C-alpha cells in the first residue's frame, strides 16, 4: 500500500480542518529515538532506520531501561514531541521539513517520519511505537501537511517566486544606476581633458575674450559650478535638464518600508524572511509521501 498524501481517494482525512488549524490532535506513543538518514524519502531508508533503533532499544531494555513515553501534538504548525507529564518540548518538527511518513501495515504499532533538522540540515528519521494507531497518526500528519500547504498558498506563499524576480530586478536597477553614474563621471573627465588640450594648443592672442559660449564641437565648456554646462547642445538649443536620480538611489522602486511576507508589493525584504519563505516553498514543493509498509522483517523485530 503506497499512497502519496495528494492521492487520498482510498482514504478520508481523520479530523476536521478546524481541529488541526485552531487546535492540535494529541497522541500518546513510545519514542524509540531518531537517527540520521541519507535520503529524505524511501521505504528502504526508513526500514533500515527502524531496524537500527529497534536493535538499540533491545540492548537498552536488556539493561533495564524502559522505552520513554511521549506525547505527540499534531497541528498545521508541526509535530511536537513532548514529555507527557511536564509538557516539555523535546522536538518540534515543522511540517514543511517532513518529507516522508510511514506506518507498519502488519502490527499497526510502528510508525516513522523523516524530518530535516532546522540546525544541522541533516535528515533525521523519528521512530515511534503507538498502541494500534500508527496508521491514524500517519494520516493525521498527512492531513496537517495538506492544510498547512493550502494555508501557505492562501497567505501569499504563491507569490514567493514573483517576489524573488522583483528582488532580482531591483538589484539590476541599482547596478545600472551605479554604472550610469560612473559613465557620467568618465564623460566629465573627458570633457575636462579636452578643454585643457584646447587651452594649451591655442595661440596666446586667441585666449582673450571672444565669447566662449561654445567650443569647436558646439559644446558649452565644462564648468564645475553648473551641472547643465556639461550637457551638449544641438543647433544652439539647450536640452531640458536631466532630473536628479539621487532620490531613486536612496530608495528602491517600492519605497523603504520593511517587507511584509504576506503582502505582495511592499518594500524589499530582509534576507532572513526571504530564506524562510524559500525554505517553506522548497519543503512544500518536495511534498510529503505517506506509505504503509512492513518493518518487522525478522524475529528480532517482532517486539520492541
Protein backbone atom coordinates (compact mmCIF):
# COMPACT_ATOMS: atom_id res chain seq x y z
CA UNK A 1 0.00 0.00 0.00
CA UNK A 2 1.69 3.16 -1.22
CA UNK A 3 -0.19 6.43 -1.02
CA UNK A 4 1.06 9.94 -1.54
CA UNK A 5 -0.86 12.45 0.53
CA UNK A 6 -2.07 14.22 -2.60
CA UNK A 7 -3.73 10.99 -3.80
CA UNK A 8 -6.05 10.02 -0.99
CA UNK A 9 -9.08 8.67 -2.85
CA UNK A 10 -8.98 5.46 -0.82
CA UNK A 11 -8.73 7.29 2.50
CA UNK A 12 -10.62 10.15 4.09
CA UNK A 13 -8.93 12.52 6.50
CA UNK A 14 -9.31 11.71 10.16
CA UNK A 15 -10.18 15.15 11.56
CA UNK A 16 -11.95 18.38 10.74
CA UNK A 17 -9.75 21.19 9.35
CA UNK A 18 -10.64 23.36 12.35
CA UNK A 19 -9.25 20.79 14.78
CA UNK A 20 -5.82 20.97 13.17
CA UNK A 21 -5.89 24.68 12.32
CA UNK A 22 -7.08 26.14 15.59
CA UNK A 23 -6.02 23.39 17.97
CA UNK A 24 -3.94 20.20 17.84
CA UNK A 25 -4.54 16.45 17.91
CA UNK A 26 -2.75 14.67 20.79
CA UNK A 27 -1.44 11.09 20.66
CA UNK A 28 0.48 9.02 23.17
CA UNK A 29 3.35 6.84 21.97
CA UNK A 30 6.66 5.32 22.92
CA UNK A 31 9.66 7.04 21.39
CA UNK A 32 12.26 4.63 20.07
CA UNK A 33 14.51 7.54 19.10
CA UNK A 34 15.85 9.24 16.00
CA UNK A 35 18.76 8.54 13.69
CA UNK A 36 20.35 10.30 10.73
CA UNK A 37 19.46 9.01 7.25
CA UNK A 38 20.98 9.81 3.88
CA UNK A 39 17.78 10.43 1.89
CA UNK A 40 14.60 12.44 2.58
CA UNK A 41 12.31 9.67 1.24
CA UNK A 42 12.23 5.95 0.71
CA UNK A 43 10.86 2.74 2.20
CA UNK A 44 14.29 1.16 2.47
CA UNK A 45 15.61 4.27 4.18
CA UNK A 46 13.06 4.14 7.00
CA UNK A 47 13.18 0.35 7.19
CA UNK A 48 16.91 0.43 7.93
CA UNK A 49 16.40 3.23 10.48
CA UNK A 50 13.63 1.28 12.25
CA UNK A 51 15.74 -1.86 12.48
CA UNK A 52 18.71 0.13 13.78
CA UNK A 53 16.68 1.86 16.51
CA UNK A 54 14.84 -1.30 17.47
CA UNK A 55 18.13 -3.12 17.94
CA UNK A 56 19.44 -0.27 20.09
CA UNK A 57 16.27 -0.41 22.20
CA UNK A 58 16.62 -4.17 22.67
CA UNK A 59 20.05 -3.61 24.13
CA UNK A 60 18.83 -0.85 26.46
CA UNK A 61 15.84 -2.96 27.51
CA UNK A 62 18.16 -5.83 28.40
CA UNK A 63 19.99 -3.35 30.62
CA UNK A 64 16.77 -2.50 32.43
CA UNK A 65 15.96 0.75 30.64
CA UNK A 66 12.36 1.43 29.61
CA UNK A 67 11.26 2.98 26.34
CA UNK A 68 10.35 6.60 27.11
CA UNK A 69 6.75 7.66 26.61
CA UNK A 70 5.98 10.88 24.77
CA UNK A 71 3.00 12.94 23.72
CA UNK A 72 2.63 13.96 20.09
CA UNK A 73 0.77 17.17 19.31
CA UNK A 74 -0.08 17.42 15.61
CA UNK A 75 -1.35 20.63 14.01
CA UNK A 76 -0.78 22.73 10.91
CA UNK A 77 2.21 24.25 12.72
CA UNK A 78 4.07 20.97 13.02
CA UNK A 79 4.55 17.81 15.06
CA UNK A 80 5.64 18.47 18.63
CA UNK A 81 7.16 15.73 20.74
CA UNK A 82 6.66 16.43 24.45
CA UNK A 83 7.34 14.81 27.80
CA UNK A 84 3.83 13.71 28.86
CA UNK A 85 3.90 14.98 32.47
CA UNK A 86 5.91 18.19 32.30
CA UNK A 87 4.83 19.05 28.71
CA UNK A 88 8.43 20.00 27.97
CA UNK A 89 9.02 20.12 24.20
CA UNK A 90 11.73 17.67 23.21
CA UNK A 91 11.45 18.11 19.44
CA UNK A 92 9.47 20.47 17.21
CA UNK A 93 9.22 19.24 13.62
CA UNK A 94 7.78 21.77 11.19
CA UNK A 95 5.60 20.23 8.52
CA UNK A 96 7.41 21.67 5.50
CA UNK A 97 10.52 19.87 6.77
CA UNK A 98 8.77 16.47 6.97
CA UNK A 99 9.19 14.64 3.66
CA UNK A 100 8.25 11.01 4.37
CA UNK A 101 5.89 9.30 6.79
CA UNK A 102 5.21 5.57 7.02
CA UNK A 103 3.40 3.07 9.23
CA UNK A 104 3.74 -0.66 9.65
CA UNK A 105 0.77 -2.37 7.99
CA UNK A 106 1.32 -5.62 9.88
CA UNK A 107 1.42 -4.88 13.61
CA UNK A 108 -0.29 -1.42 13.41
CA UNK A 109 2.03 -0.05 16.09
CA UNK A 110 5.20 1.24 14.48
CA UNK A 111 5.25 4.48 12.53
CA UNK A 112 8.06 6.78 11.48
CA UNK A 113 8.72 10.03 9.66
CA UNK A 114 11.75 11.76 8.15
CA UNK A 115 12.32 15.41 9.05
CA UNK A 116 15.10 17.79 8.04
CA UNK A 117 16.74 19.22 11.14
CA UNK A 118 16.48 23.02 11.33
CA UNK A 119 20.01 23.50 12.72
CA UNK A 120 22.17 20.84 11.06
CA UNK A 121 20.04 20.45 7.88
CA UNK A 122 20.52 16.70 8.24
CA UNK A 123 17.65 14.30 7.57
CA UNK A 124 16.56 12.55 10.77
CA UNK A 125 14.24 9.55 10.97
CA UNK A 126 11.97 9.50 14.05
CA UNK A 127 10.52 6.13 15.10
CA UNK A 128 7.56 5.54 17.44
CA UNK A 129 5.56 2.66 18.89
CA UNK A 130 1.90 3.58 19.26
CA UNK A 131 -0.88 1.35 20.56
CA UNK A 132 -2.55 0.15 17.36
CA UNK A 133 -2.97 3.65 15.89
CA UNK A 134 0.12 4.05 13.73
CA UNK A 135 -1.91 4.44 10.54
CA UNK A 136 -4.18 7.06 12.11
CA UNK A 137 -1.20 9.13 13.25
CA UNK A 138 0.35 8.88 9.78
CA UNK A 139 -2.87 10.09 8.16
CA UNK A 140 -3.18 12.91 10.69
CA UNK A 141 0.32 14.14 9.81
CA UNK A 142 -0.64 13.94 6.13
CA UNK A 143 -3.80 15.95 6.70
CA UNK A 144 -1.92 18.58 8.71
CA UNK A 145 0.65 18.87 5.91
CA UNK A 146 -2.12 19.31 3.33
CA UNK A 147 -3.81 22.04 5.38
CA UNK A 148 -0.52 23.81 6.09
CA UNK A 149 0.36 23.84 2.40
CA UNK A 150 -3.02 25.32 1.49
CA UNK A 151 -2.66 27.96 4.20
CA UNK A 152 0.82 28.80 2.91
CA UNK A 153 -0.55 29.37 -0.60
CA UNK A 154 -3.55 31.39 0.60
CA UNK A 155 -1.40 33.64 2.80
CA UNK A 156 0.95 34.64 0.00
CA UNK A 157 3.36 31.76 -0.46
CA UNK A 158 2.39 31.51 -4.13
CA UNK A 159 3.95 34.94 -4.68
CA UNK A 160 7.37 33.95 -3.36
CA UNK A 161 8.76 33.33 -6.83
CA UNK A 162 7.36 36.65 -8.04
CA UNK A 163 9.00 38.46 -5.14
CA UNK A 164 12.31 36.80 -5.91
CA UNK A 165 12.07 38.06 -9.50
CA UNK A 166 11.24 41.57 -8.25
CA UNK A 167 14.26 41.46 -5.95
CA UNK A 168 16.45 40.49 -8.92
CA UNK A 169 15.10 43.40 -10.95
CA UNK A 170 15.69 45.78 -8.07
CA UNK A 171 19.30 44.65 -7.82
CA UNK A 172 19.72 45.06 -11.58
CA UNK A 173 18.33 48.61 -11.44
CA UNK A 174 20.74 49.52 -8.65
CA UNK A 175 23.63 48.13 -10.69
CA UNK A 176 22.55 50.16 -13.73
CA UNK A 177 22.25 53.31 -11.62
CA UNK A 178 25.81 52.82 -10.38
CA UNK A 179 27.07 52.13 -13.89
CA UNK A 180 25.28 55.22 -15.19
CA UNK A 181 26.90 57.39 -12.52
CA UNK A 182 30.33 56.02 -13.38
CA UNK A 183 29.79 56.77 -17.07
CA UNK A 184 28.76 60.33 -16.26
CA UNK A 185 31.95 60.81 -14.29
CA UNK A 186 34.02 59.47 -17.19
CA UNK A 187 32.31 61.87 -19.61
CA UNK A 188 33.08 64.79 -17.33
CA UNK A 189 36.72 63.70 -17.10
CA UNK A 190 36.98 63.54 -20.89
CA UNK A 191 35.44 67.00 -21.23
CA UNK A 192 37.97 68.37 -18.74
CA UNK A 193 40.84 66.79 -20.66
CA UNK A 194 39.52 68.18 -23.94
CA UNK A 195 39.24 71.68 -22.53
CA UNK A 196 42.79 71.56 -21.13
CA UNK A 197 44.09 70.39 -24.53
CA UNK A 198 42.30 73.22 -26.34
CA UNK A 199 43.68 75.85 -23.97
CA UNK A 200 47.26 74.57 -24.22
CA UNK A 201 47.25 74.45 -28.06
CA UNK A 202 45.54 77.80 -28.71
CA UNK A 203 47.69 80.97 -29.59
CA UNK A 204 48.07 83.46 -26.76
CA UNK A 205 46.12 86.08 -28.68
CA UNK A 206 43.19 83.80 -29.09
CA UNK A 207 42.83 83.26 -25.39
CA UNK A 208 41.35 86.77 -24.87
CA UNK A 209 37.83 87.28 -24.71
CA UNK A 210 35.87 86.19 -27.59
CA UNK A 211 32.61 84.85 -26.49
CA UNK A 212 33.35 81.39 -25.01
CA UNK A 213 29.79 80.25 -25.46
CA UNK A 214 30.64 77.06 -27.37
CA UNK A 215 33.76 75.10 -28.29
CA UNK A 216 34.72 73.58 -31.64
CA UNK A 217 32.33 70.70 -31.05
CA UNK A 218 29.44 73.10 -30.46
CA UNK A 219 29.56 72.24 -26.75
CA UNK A 220 29.38 74.57 -23.80
CA UNK A 221 32.74 74.39 -22.00
CA UNK A 222 32.62 72.42 -18.79
CA UNK A 223 32.19 74.35 -15.58
CA UNK A 224 32.16 72.65 -12.20
CA UNK A 225 29.71 75.25 -10.94
CA UNK A 226 26.96 74.45 -13.38
CA UNK A 227 25.78 70.87 -13.96
CA UNK A 228 23.94 71.85 -17.15
CA UNK A 229 27.11 73.26 -18.74
CA UNK A 230 28.40 69.73 -19.34
CA UNK A 231 25.39 68.80 -21.48
CA UNK A 232 25.97 69.16 -25.25
CA UNK A 233 23.72 71.48 -27.25
CA UNK A 234 22.22 70.81 -30.61
CA UNK A 235 21.72 73.71 -33.06
CA UNK A 236 22.38 76.12 -30.22
CA UNK A 237 19.39 74.92 -28.22
CA UNK A 238 19.88 73.76 -24.66
CA UNK A 239 18.18 70.38 -23.96
CA UNK A 240 15.91 70.09 -20.93
CA UNK A 241 17.70 69.41 -17.64
CA UNK A 242 18.13 65.79 -16.60
CA UNK A 243 16.18 65.06 -13.42
CA UNK A 244 18.26 64.15 -10.41
CA UNK A 245 18.42 60.42 -9.60
CA UNK A 246 19.71 60.79 -6.05
CA UNK A 247 16.28 60.16 -4.55
CA UNK A 248 15.89 56.97 -6.55
CA UNK A 249 19.29 55.70 -5.41
CA UNK A 250 18.42 56.17 -1.76
CA UNK A 251 15.05 54.42 -2.11
CA UNK A 252 14.20 51.38 -4.19
CA UNK A 253 11.26 51.04 -6.55
CA UNK A 254 8.87 50.15 -3.77
CA UNK A 255 9.97 52.56 -1.05
CA UNK A 256 11.84 51.83 2.15
CA UNK A 257 9.12 50.19 4.28
CA UNK A 258 10.03 46.77 5.76
CA UNK A 259 8.93 43.76 3.72
CA UNK A 260 5.68 42.05 4.71
CA UNK A 261 5.96 38.40 3.62
CA UNK A 262 2.17 38.12 3.28
CA UNK A 263 1.60 41.40 1.45
CA UNK A 264 2.94 41.43 -2.09
CA UNK A 265 4.08 44.81 -3.31
CA UNK A 266 5.73 46.03 -0.13
CA UNK A 267 9.34 47.12 0.12
CA UNK A 268 12.40 44.95 -0.27
CA UNK A 269 12.54 42.10 2.22
CA UNK A 270 15.21 41.08 4.72
CA UNK A 271 17.34 38.03 3.86
CA UNK A 272 16.14 36.09 6.92
CA UNK A 273 12.49 36.38 5.87
CA UNK A 274 13.31 35.52 2.27
CA UNK A 275 15.32 32.48 3.32
CA UNK A 276 12.42 31.30 5.49
CA UNK A 277 9.97 31.70 2.60
CA UNK A 278 12.35 29.89 0.27
CA UNK A 279 12.74 27.07 2.78
CA UNK A 280 8.98 26.67 3.17
CA UNK A 281 8.43 26.81 -0.57
CA UNK A 282 11.05 24.13 -1.24
CA UNK A 283 9.74 21.92 1.56
CA UNK A 284 6.14 22.05 0.41
CA UNK A 285 7.25 21.64 -3.21
CA UNK A 286 9.00 18.37 -2.30
CA UNK A 287 5.73 17.13 -0.81
CA UNK A 288 5.00 14.54 1.86
CA UNK A 289 4.82 10.86 0.96
CA UNK A 290 2.61 8.65 3.13
CA UNK A 291 3.34 4.96 2.89
CA UNK A 292 2.23 1.75 4.50
CA UNK A 293 4.97 -0.86 4.62
CA UNK A 294 6.37 -3.81 6.57
CA UNK A 295 9.06 -3.09 9.16
CA UNK A 296 9.08 -6.42 11.02
CA UNK A 297 11.35 -8.49 8.81
CA UNK A 298 12.76 -10.99 11.30
CA UNK A 299 12.11 -12.35 14.81
CA UNK A 300 14.30 -9.67 16.35
CA UNK A 301 11.95 -7.01 15.01
CA UNK A 302 8.77 -8.66 16.20
CA UNK A 303 8.72 -6.85 19.54
CA UNK A 304 10.28 -3.70 20.92
